[in-house]
Amino acid sequence: MLTPSVRYEFYMSGCHTYYYLGDDSVNFHRCDEGTISVNGVNADNMFSLAKSALCGDQPLFAELSTSKKNLAYAREMVVALNNFIDNSHNPEQTKDD
């Protein structure tokens, strides 16, 4: 028997989006419209979301502005990813999925 599927859609233009590790949540916040929280999104899921947004079939770069802020964010992400790779690459401790 198939289980029912539920889909909720919200539109919040110009919202601030953030991930909170404390309760494994992705949050969409806009002062005048409140907050939508999606809980149960662990760090591996969030990393997969970022990979899909940046490296998937339709990466977001075609629509991303090249503002100074976004370029600074990109540089910050490159440093963070390089640090993660440099500090995690130990064949004896690397987990295979």
PDB file of N, CA and C in Angstrom:
ATOM      1  N   MET A   1       0.842  -1.181   0.000  1.00  0.00           N
ATOM      2  CA  MET A   1       0.000   0.000   0.000  1.00  0.00           C
ATOM      3  C   MET A   1       0.889   1.247   0.000  1.00  0.00           C
ATOM      4  N   LEU A   2       0.563   2.194  -0.847  1.00  0.00           N
ATOM      5  CA  LEU A   2       1.319   3.436  -0.915  1.00  0.00           C
ATOM      6  C   LEU A   2       0.912   4.369   0.212  1.00  0.00           C
ATOM      7  N   THR A   3       1.892   5.032   0.785  1.00  0.00           N
ATOM      8  CA  THR A   3       1.589   6.007   1.816  1.00  0.00           C
ATOM      9  C   THR A   3       1.270   7.343   1.165  1.00  0.00           C
ATOM     10  N   PRO A   4       0.397   8.113   1.762  1.00  0.00           N
ATOM     11  CA  PRO A   4       0.050   9.406   1.166  1.00  0.00           C
ATOM     12  C   PRO A   4       1.241  10.360   1.164  1.00  0.00           C
ATOM     13  N   SER A   5       1.274  11.208   0.191  1.00  0.00           N
ATOM     14  CA  SER A   5       2.338  12.199   0.057  1.00  0.00           C
ATOM     15  C   SER A   5       1.750  13.577   0.326  1.00  0.00           C
ATOM     16  N   VAL A   6       2.480  14.371   1.075  1.00  0.00           N
ATOM     17  CA  VAL A   6       2.027  15.718   1.390  1.00  0.00           C
ATOM     18  C   VAL A   6       3.078  16.702   0.904  1.00  0.00           C
ATOM     19  N   ARG A   7       2.636  17.784   0.293  1.00  0.00           N
ATOM     20  CA  ARG A   7       3.552  18.818  -0.173  1.00  0.00           C
ATOM     21  C   ARG A   7       2.998  20.174   0.264  1.00  0.00           C
ATOM     22  N   TYR A   8       3.847  20.929   0.926  1.00  0.00           N
ATOM     23  CA  TYR A   8       3.481  22.276   1.337  1.00  0.00           C
ATOM     24  C   TYR A   8       4.314  23.258   0.524  1.00  0.00           C
ATOM     25  N   GLU A   9       3.717  24.296   0.039  1.00  0.00           N
ATOM     26  CA  GLU A   9       4.444  25.323  -0.700  1.00  0.00           C
ATOM     27  C   GLU A   9       4.172  26.676  -0.064  1.00  0.00           C
ATOM     28  N   PHE A  10       5.243  27.453   0.102  1.00  0.00           N
ATOM     29  CA  PHE A  10       5.156  28.795   0.651  1.00  0.00           C
ATOM     30  C   PHE A  10       5.957  29.719  -0.250  1.00  0.00           C
ATOM     31  N   TYR A  11       5.564  30.955  -0.312  1.00  0.00           N
ATOM     32  CA  TYR A  11       6.325  31.946  -1.071  1.00  0.00           C
ATOM     33  C   TYR A  11       6.704  33.064  -0.116  1.00  0.00           C
ATOM     34  N   MET A  12       7.999  33.253   0.079  1.00  0.00           N
ATOM     35  CA  MET A  12       8.515  34.305   0.949  1.00  0.00           C
ATOM     36  C   MET A  12       9.637  35.015   0.200  1.00  0.00           C
ATOM     37  N   SER A  13       9.308  36.020  -0.546  1.00  0.00           N
ATOM     38  CA  SER A  13      10.302  36.762  -1.322  1.00  0.00           C
ATOM     39  C   SER A  13      11.241  37.524  -0.392  1.00  0.00           C
ATOM     40  N   GLY A  14      12.534  37.452  -0.683  1.00  0.00           N
ATOM     41  CA  GLY A  14      13.504  38.225   0.081  1.00  0.00           C
ATOM     42  C   GLY A  14      13.723  37.757   1.494  1.00  0.00           C
ATOM     43  N   CYS A  15      13.509  36.488   1.749  1.00  0.00           N
ATOM     44  CA  CYS A  15      13.676  36.003   3.122  1.00  0.00           C
ATOM     45  C   CYS A  15      15.138  35.678   3.419  1.00  0.00           C
ATOM     46  N   HIS A  16      15.465  35.682   4.681  1.00  0.00           N
ATOM     47  CA  HIS A  16      16.785  35.282   5.172  1.00  0.00           C
ATOM     48  C   HIS A  16      16.706  33.789   5.469  1.00  0.00           C
ATOM     49  N   THR A  17      17.635  33.010   4.946  1.00  0.00           N
ATOM     50  CA  THR A  17      17.621  31.559   5.130  1.00  0.00           C
ATOM     51  C   THR A  17      18.853  31.149   5.919  1.00  0.00           C
ATOM     52  N   TYR A  18      18.649  30.277   6.896  1.00  0.00           N
ATOM     53  CA  TYR A  18      19.799  29.805   7.670  1.00  0.00           C
ATOM     54  C   TYR A  18      19.564  28.387   8.170  1.00  0.00           C
ATOM     55  N   TYR A  19      20.656  27.707   8.462  1.00  0.00           N
ATOM     56  CA  TYR A  19      20.640  26.354   9.018  1.00  0.00           C
ATOM     57  C   TYR A  19      21.035  26.442  10.484  1.00  0.00           C
ATOM     58  N   TYR A  20      20.287  25.755  11.337  1.00  0.00           N
ATOM     59  CA  TYR A  20      20.600  25.745  12.764  1.00  0.00           C
ATOM     60  C   TYR A  20      20.887  24.314  13.194  1.00  0.00           C
ATOM     61  N   LEU A  21      22.159  24.051  13.539  1.00  0.00           N
ATOM     62  CA  LEU A  21      22.593  22.717  13.919  1.00  0.00           C
ATOM     63  C   LEU A  21      21.935  22.259  15.223  1.00  0.00           C
ATOM     64  N   GLY A  22      21.578  23.208  16.097  1.00  0.00           N
ATOM     65  CA  GLY A  22      21.019  22.869  17.409  1.00  0.00           C
ATOM     66  C   GLY A  22      19.762  22.016  17.348  1.00  0.00           C
ATOM     67  N   ASP A  23      18.926  22.230  16.347  1.00  0.00           N
ATOM     68  CA  ASP A  23      17.723  21.410  16.207  1.00  0.00           C
ATOM     69  C   ASP A  23      17.576  20.838  14.795  1.00  0.00           C
ATOM     70  N   ASP A  24      18.703  20.788  14.074  1.00  0.00           N
ATOM     71  CA  ASP A  24      18.696  20.257  12.711  1.00  0.00           C
ATOM     72  C   ASP A  24      17.575  20.875  11.879  1.00  0.00           C
ATOM     73  N   SER A  25      17.612  22.204  11.759  1.00  0.00           N
ATOM     74  CA  SER A  25      16.525  22.858  11.035  1.00  0.00           C
ATOM     75  C   SER A  25      17.040  23.824   9.983  1.00  0.00           C
ATOM     76  N   VAL A  26      16.280  23.914   8.903  1.00  0.00           N
ATOM     77  CA  VAL A  26      16.473  24.934   7.887  1.00  0.00           C
ATOM     78  C   VAL A  26      15.355  25.940   8.134  1.00  0.00           C
ATOM     79  N   ASN A  27      15.716  27.201   8.209  1.00  0.00           N
ATOM     80  CA  ASN A  27      14.756  28.241   8.581  1.00  0.00           C
ATOM     81  C   ASN A  27      14.705  29.327   7.522  1.00  0.00           C
ATOM     82  N   PHE A  28      13.502  29.750   7.230  1.00  0.00           N
ATOM     83  CA  PHE A  28      13.251  30.821   6.270  1.00  0.00           C
ATOM     84  C   PHE A  28      12.552  31.921   7.049  1.00  0.00           C
ATOM     85  N   HIS A  29      13.185  33.087   7.156  1.00  0.00           N
ATOM     86  CA  HIS A  29      12.677  34.129   8.032  1.00  0.00           C
ATOM     87  C   HIS A  29      12.512  35.447   7.279  1.00  0.00           C
ATOM     88  N   ARG A  30      11.391  36.064   7.501  1.00  0.00           N
ATOM     89  CA  ARG A  30      11.145  37.414   7.022  1.00  0.00           C
ATOM     90  C   ARG A  30      10.347  38.116   8.113  1.00  0.00           C
ATOM     91  N   CYS A  31      10.844  39.240   8.563  1.00  0.00           N
ATOM     92  CA  CYS A  31      10.267  39.922   9.725  1.00  0.00           C
ATOM     93  C   CYS A  31       8.763  40.132   9.606  1.00  0.00           C
ATOM     94  N   ASP A  32       8.306  40.568   8.434  1.00  0.00           N
ATOM     95  CA  ASP A  32       6.893  40.878   8.298  1.00  0.00           C
ATOM     96  C   ASP A  32       6.027  39.662   7.964  1.00  0.00           C
ATOM     97  N   GLU A  33       6.651  38.502   7.692  1.00  0.00           N
ATOM     98  CA  GLU A  33       5.878  37.317   7.354  1.00  0.00           C
ATOM     99  C   GLU A  33       6.137  36.145   8.292  1.00  0.00           C
ATOM    100  N   GLY A  34       7.014  36.308   9.272  1.00  0.00           N
ATOM    101  CA  GLY A  34       7.280  35.238  10.217  1.00  0.00           C
ATOM    102  C   GLY A  34       8.391  34.306   9.757  1.00  0.00           C
ATOM    103  N   THR A  35       8.377  33.085  10.277  1.00  0.00           N
ATOM    104  CA  THR A  35       9.424  32.108  10.026  1.00  0.00           C
ATOM    105  C   THR A  35       8.814  30.759   9.675  1.00  0.00           C
ATOM    106  N   ILE A  36       9.417  30.084   8.734  1.00  0.00           N
ATOM    107  CA  ILE A  36       9.078  28.698   8.428  1.00  0.00           C
ATOM    108  C   ILE A  36      10.298  27.879   8.795  1.00  0.00           C
ATOM    109  N   SER A  37      10.123  26.874   9.638  1.00  0.00           N
ATOM    110  CA  SER A  37      11.218  25.995  10.049  1.00  0.00           C
ATOM    111  C   SER A  37      10.930  24.581   9.578  1.00  0.00           C
ATOM    112  N   VAL A  38      11.946  23.942   9.017  1.00  0.00           N
ATOM    113  CA  VAL A  38      11.857  22.542   8.624  1.00  0.00           C
ATOM    114  C   VAL A  38      12.877  21.797   9.471  1.00  0.00           C
ATOM    115  N   ASN A  39      12.392  21.016  10.425  1.00  0.00           N
ATOM    116  CA  ASN A  39      13.269  20.307  11.352  1.00  0.00           C
ATOM    117  C   ASN A  39      13.581  18.905  10.843  1.00  0.00           C
ATOM    118  N   GLY A  40      14.650  18.333  11.375  1.00  0.00           N
ATOM    119  CA  GLY A  40      15.042  16.980  11.008  1.00  0.00           C
ATOM    120  C   GLY A  40      15.999  16.929   9.830  1.00  0.00           C
ATOM    121  N   VAL A  41      16.579  18.062   9.469  1.00  0.00           N
ATOM    122  CA  VAL A  41      17.539  18.129   8.367  1.00  0.00           C
ATOM    123  C   VAL A  41      18.933  18.104   8.989  1.00  0.00           C
ATOM    124  N   ASN A  42      19.581  16.929   8.967  1.00  0.00           N
ATOM    125  CA  ASN A  42      20.883  16.845   9.614  1.00  0.00           C
ATOM    126  C   ASN A  42      21.980  17.451   8.737  1.00  0.00           C
ATOM    127  N   ALA A  43      23.181  17.508   9.264  1.00  0.00           N
ATOM    128  CA  ALA A  43      24.288  18.158   8.566  1.00  0.00           C
ATOM    129  C   ALA A  43      24.593  17.486   7.219  1.00  0.00           C
ATOM    130  N   ASP A  44      24.504  16.158   7.146  1.00  0.00           N
ATOM    131  CA  ASP A  44      24.745  15.469   5.880  1.00  0.00           C
ATOM    132  C   ASP A  44      23.688  15.847   4.842  1.00  0.00           C
ATOM    133  N   ASN A  45      22.422  15.966   5.276  1.00  0.00           N
ATOM    134  CA  ASN A  45      21.358  16.390   4.362  1.00  0.00           C
ATOM    135  C   ASN A  45      21.587  17.810   3.873  1.00  0.00           C
ATOM    136  N   MET A  46      22.011  18.688   4.775  1.00  0.00           N
ATOM    137  CA  MET A  46      22.249  20.083   4.410  1.00  0.00           C
ATOM    138  C   MET A  46      23.421  20.191   3.440  1.00  0.00           C
ATOM    139  N   PHE A  47      24.450  19.389   3.653  1.00  0.00           N
ATOM    140  CA  PHE A  47      25.600  19.378   2.753  1.00  0.00           C
ATOM    141  C   PHE A  47      25.184  18.903   1.366  1.00  0.00           C
ATOM    142  N   SER A  48      24.322  17.904   1.311  1.00  0.00           N
ATOM    143  CA  SER A  48      23.808  17.401   0.036  1.00  0.00           C
ATOM    144  C   SER A  48      22.967  18.465  -0.669  1.00  0.00           C
ATOM    145  N   LEU A  49      22.199  19.227   0.090  1.00  0.00           N
ATOM    146  CA  LEU A  49      21.413  20.332  -0.478  1.00  0.00           C
ATOM    147  C   LEU A  49      22.333  21.371  -1.109  1.00  0.00           C
ATOM    148  N   ALA A  50      23.395  21.731  -0.407  1.00  0.00           N
ATOM    149  CA  ALA A  50      24.351  22.711  -0.935  1.00  0.00           C
ATOM    150  C   ALA A  50      25.015  22.185  -2.203  1.00  0.00           C
ATOM    151  N   LYS A  51      25.378  20.911  -2.212  1.00  0.00           N
ATOM    152  CA  LYS A  51      25.994  20.298  -3.387  1.00  0.00           C
ATOM    153  C   LYS A  51      25.035  20.350  -4.574  1.00  0.00           C
ATOM    154  N   SER A  52      23.768  20.031  -4.338  1.00  0.00           N
ATOM    155  CA  SER A  52      22.771  20.068  -5.415  1.00  0.00           C
ATOM    156  C   SER A  52      22.589  21.477  -5.967  1.00  0.00           C
ATOM    157  N   ALA A  53      22.572  22.458  -5.073  1.00  0.00           N
ATOM    158  CA  ALA A  53      22.385  23.843  -5.507  1.00  0.00           C
ATOM    159  C   ALA A  53      23.566  24.352  -6.320  1.00  0.00           C
ATOM    160  N   LEU A  54      24.761  23.903  -5.975  1.00  0.00           N
ATOM    161  CA  LEU A  54      25.968  24.404  -6.627  1.00  0.00           C
ATOM    162  C   LEU A  54      26.465  23.538  -7.777  1.00  0.00           C
ATOM    163  N   CYS A  55      26.185  22.242  -7.728  1.00  0.00           N
ATOM    164  CA  CYS A  55      26.794  21.318  -8.695  1.00  0.00           C
ATOM    165  C   CYS A  55      25.777  20.450  -9.429  1.00  0.00           C
ATOM    166  N   GLY A  56      24.504  20.640  -9.210  1.00  0.00           N
ATOM    167  CA  GLY A  56      23.486  19.799  -9.823  1.00  0.00           C
ATOM    168  C   GLY A  56      23.296  20.080 -11.307  1.00  0.00           C
ATOM    169  N   ASP A  57      22.262  19.483 -11.882  1.00  0.00           N
ATOM    170  CA  ASP A  57      21.971  19.644 -13.307  1.00  0.00           C
ATOM    171  C   ASP A  57      21.710  21.098 -13.691  1.00  0.00           C
ATOM    172  N   GLN A  58      21.131  21.849 -12.765  1.00  0.00           N
ATOM    173  CA  GLN A  58      20.857  23.269 -13.018  1.00  0.00           C
ATOM    174  C   GLN A  58      21.404  24.094 -11.856  1.00  0.00           C
ATOM    175  N   PRO A  59      22.734  24.286 -11.808  1.00  0.00           N
ATOM    176  CA  PRO A  59      23.311  25.044 -10.694  1.00  0.00           C
ATOM    177  C   PRO A  59      22.796  26.478 -10.676  1.00  0.00           C
ATOM    178  N   LEU A  60      22.764  27.043  -9.513  1.00  0.00           N
ATOM    179  CA  LEU A  60      22.170  28.367  -9.326  1.00  0.00           C
ATOM    180  C   LEU A  60      22.997  29.517  -9.883  1.00  0.00           C
ATOM    181  N   PHE A  61      24.191  29.245 -10.373  1.00  0.00           N
ATOM    182  CA  PHE A  61      25.075  30.316 -10.826  1.00  0.00           C
ATOM    183  C   PHE A  61      24.507  31.145 -11.970  1.00  0.00           C
ATOM    184  N   ALA A  62      23.653  30.559 -12.792  1.00  0.00           N
ATOM    185  CA  ALA A  62      23.063  31.302 -13.914  1.00  0.00           C
ATOM    186  C   ALA A  62      22.211  32.472 -13.425  1.00  0.00           C
ATOM    187  N   GLU A  63      21.690  32.355 -12.220  1.00  0.00           N
ATOM    188  CA  GLU A  63      20.826  33.410 -11.676  1.00  0.00           C
ATOM    189  C   GLU A  63      21.452  34.169 -10.510  1.00  0.00           C
ATOM    190  N   LEU A  64      22.625  33.757 -10.076  1.00  0.00           N
ATOM    191  CA  LEU A  64      23.290  34.381  -8.932  1.00  0.00           C
ATOM    192  C   LEU A  64      23.998  35.658  -9.363  1.00  0.00           C
ATOM    193  N   SER A  65      23.761  36.726  -8.634  1.00  0.00           N
ATOM    194  CA  SER A  65      24.438  37.985  -8.970  1.00  0.00           C
ATOM    195  C   SER A  65      25.903  37.914  -8.543  1.00  0.00           C
ATOM    196  N   THR A  66      26.730  38.679  -9.219  1.00  0.00           N
ATOM    197  CA  THR A  66      28.158  38.729  -8.880  1.00  0.00           C
ATOM    198  C   THR A  66      28.458  39.936  -7.999  1.00  0.00           C
ATOM    199  N   SER A  67      27.605  40.133  -7.014  1.00  0.00           N
ATOM    200  CA  SER A  67      27.810  41.244  -6.087  1.00  0.00           C
ATOM    201  C   SER A  67      29.051  40.987  -5.230  1.00  0.00           C
ATOM    202  N   LYS A  68      29.590  42.051  -4.664  1.00  0.00           N
ATOM    203  CA  LYS A  68      30.754  41.914  -3.780  1.00  0.00           C
ATOM    204  C   LYS A  68      30.440  40.963  -2.628  1.00  0.00           C
ATOM    205  N   LYS A  69      29.212  41.041  -2.116  1.00  0.00           N
ATOM    206  CA  LYS A  69      28.804  40.185  -1.001  1.00  0.00           C
ATOM    207  C   LYS A  69      28.833  38.715  -1.415  1.00  0.00           C
ATOM    208  N   ASN A  70      28.271  38.396  -2.580  1.00  0.00           N
ATOM    209  CA  ASN A  70      28.252  37.002  -3.026  1.00  0.00           C
ATOM    210  C   ASN A  70      29.646  36.481  -3.334  1.00  0.00           C
ATOM    211  N   LEU A  71      30.505  37.319  -3.906  1.00  0.00           N
ATOM    212  CA  LEU A  71      31.879  36.897  -4.159  1.00  0.00           C
ATOM    213  C   LEU A  71      32.632  36.651  -2.851  1.00  0.00           C
ATOM    214  N   ALA A  72      32.376  37.474  -1.846  1.00  0.00           N
ATOM    215  CA  ALA A  72      32.987  37.252  -0.524  1.00  0.00           C
ATOM    216  C   ALA A  72      32.461  35.950   0.085  1.00  0.00           C
ATOM    217  N   TYR A  73      31.162  35.686  -0.061  1.00  0.00           N
ATOM    218  CA  TYR A  73      30.588  34.428   0.428  1.00  0.00           C
ATOM    219  C   TYR A  73      31.244  33.237  -0.267  1.00  0.00           C
ATOM    220  N   ALA A  74      31.449  33.334  -1.592  1.00  0.00           N
ATOM    221  CA  ALA A  74      32.059  32.246  -2.353  1.00  0.00           C
ATOM    222  C   ALA A  74      33.478  31.971  -1.858  1.00  0.00           C
ATOM    223  N   ARG A  75      34.240  33.025  -1.626  1.00  0.00           N
ATOM    224  CA  ARG A  75      35.603  32.849  -1.114  1.00  0.00           C
ATOM    225  C   ARG A  75      35.586  32.191   0.263  1.00  0.00           C
ATOM    226  N   GLU A  76      34.648  32.606   1.099  1.00  0.00           N
ATOM    227  CA  GLU A  76      34.505  32.029   2.439  1.00  0.00           C
ATOM    228  C   GLU A  76      34.156  30.538   2.344  1.00  0.00           C
ATOM    229  N   MET A  77      33.285  30.170   1.395  1.00  0.00           N
ATOM    230  CA  MET A  77      32.910  28.766   1.211  1.00  0.00           C
ATOM    231  C   MET A  77      34.099  27.930   0.745  1.00  0.00           C
ATOM    232  N   VAL A  78      34.907  28.482  -0.166  1.00  0.00           N
ATOM    233  CA  VAL A  78      36.084  27.762  -0.664  1.00  0.00           C
ATOM    234  C   VAL A  78      37.047  27.485   0.483  1.00  0.00           C
ATOM    235  N   VAL A  79      37.285  28.470   1.327  1.00  0.00           N
ATOM    236  CA  VAL A  79      38.178  28.284   2.479  1.00  0.00           C
ATOM    237  C   VAL A  79      37.611  27.222   3.417  1.00  0.00           C
ATOM    238  N   ALA A  80      36.315  27.293   3.714  1.00  0.00           N
ATOM    239  CA  ALA A  80      35.691  26.322   4.618  1.00  0.00           C
ATOM    240  C   ALA A  80      35.751  24.912   4.042  1.00  0.00           C
ATOM    241  N   LEU A  81      35.480  24.761   2.737  1.00  0.00           N
ATOM    242  CA  LEU A  81      35.550  23.437   2.108  1.00  0.00           C
ATOM    243  C   LEU A  81      36.975  22.897   2.103  1.00  0.00           C
ATOM    244  N   ASN A  82      37.937  23.746   1.790  1.00  0.00           N
ATOM    245  CA  ASN A  82      39.341  23.304   1.815  1.00  0.00           C
ATOM    246  C   ASN A  82      39.763  22.892   3.214  1.00  0.00           C
ATOM    247  N   ASN A  83      39.336  23.639   4.227  1.00  0.00           N
ATOM    248  CA  ASN A  83      39.644  23.265   5.614  1.00  0.00           C
ATOM    249  C   ASN A  83      39.014  21.923   5.972  1.00  0.00           C
ATOM    250  N   PHE A  84      37.773  21.719   5.556  1.00  0.00           N
ATOM    251  CA  PHE A  84      37.088  20.448   5.818  1.00  0.00           C
ATOM    252  C   PHE A  84      37.847  19.290   5.170  1.00  0.00           C
ATOM    253  N   ILE A  85      38.214  19.465   3.911  1.00  0.00           N
ATOM    254  CA  ILE A  85      38.936  18.410   3.186  1.00  0.00           C
ATOM    255  C   ILE A  85      40.294  18.159   3.827  1.00  0.00           C
ATOM    256  N   ASP A  86      41.047  19.225   4.095  1.00  0.00           N
ATOM    257  CA  ASP A  86      42.387  19.086   4.670  1.00  0.00           C
ATOM    258  C   ASP A  86      42.357  18.428   6.048  1.00  0.00           C
ATOM    259  N   ASN A  87      41.334  18.740   6.846  1.00  0.00           N
ATOM    260  CA  ASN A  87      41.254  18.214   8.208  1.00  0.00           C
ATOM    261  C   ASN A  87      40.554  16.858   8.281  1.00  0.00           C
ATOM    262  N   SER A  88      39.943  16.416   7.191  1.00  0.00           N
ATOM    263  CA  SER A  88      39.177  15.169   7.205  1.00  0.00           C
ATOM    264  C   SER A  88      39.822  14.053   6.416  1.00  0.00           C
ATOM    265  N   HIS A  89      40.796  14.354   5.613  1.00  0.00           N
ATOM    266  CA  HIS A  89      41.357  13.321   4.741  1.00  0.00           C
ATOM    267  C   HIS A  89      42.346  12.447   5.500  1.00  0.00           C
ATOM    268  N   ASN A  90      41.806  11.430   6.096  1.00  0.00           N
ATOM    269  CA  ASN A  90      42.596  10.402   6.752  1.00  0.00           C
ATOM    270  C   ASN A  90      41.986   9.073   6.330  1.00  0.00           C
ATOM    271  N   PRO A  91      42.630   8.354   5.395  1.00  0.00           N
ATOM    272  CA  PRO A  91      42.039   7.115   4.867  1.00  0.00           C
ATOM    273  C   PRO A  91      41.620   6.121   5.942  1.00  0.00           C
ATOM    274  N   GLU A  92      42.273   6.148   7.086  1.00  0.00           N
ATOM    275  CA  GLU A  92      41.912   5.206   8.153  1.00  0.00           C
ATOM    276  C   GLU A  92      40.620   5.604   8.829  1.00  0.00           C
ATOM    277  N   GLN A  93      40.248   6.896   8.785  1.00  0.00           N
ATOM    278  CA  GLN A  93      39.037   7.347   9.450  1.00  0.00           C
ATOM    279  C   GLN A  93      37.904   7.690   8.499  1.00  0.00           C
ATOM    280  N   THR A  94      38.166   7.762   7.195  1.00  0.00           N
ATOM    281  CA  THR A  94      37.147   8.124   6.225  1.00  0.00           C
ATOM    282  C   THR A  94      36.122   7.007   6.120  1.00  0.00           C
ATOM    283  N   LYS A  95      34.838   7.382   6.215  1.00  0.00           N
ATOM    284  CA  LYS A  95      33.751   6.406   6.146  1.00  0.00           C
ATOM    285  C   LYS A  95      33.283   6.284   4.694  1.00  0.00           C
ATOM    286  N   ASP A  96      33.049   5.061   4.281  1.00  0.00           N
ATOM    287  CA  ASP A  96      32.467   4.809   2.967  1.00  0.00           C
ATOM    288  C   ASP A  96      30.953   4.719   3.101  1.00  0.00           C
ATOM    289  N   ASP A  97      30.255   5.336   2.164  1.00  0.00           N
ATOM    290  CA  ASP A  97      28.783   5.256   2.191  1.00  0.00           C
ATOM    291  C   ASP A  97      28.299   4.104   1.343  1.00  0.00           C
TER     292      ASP A  97
END
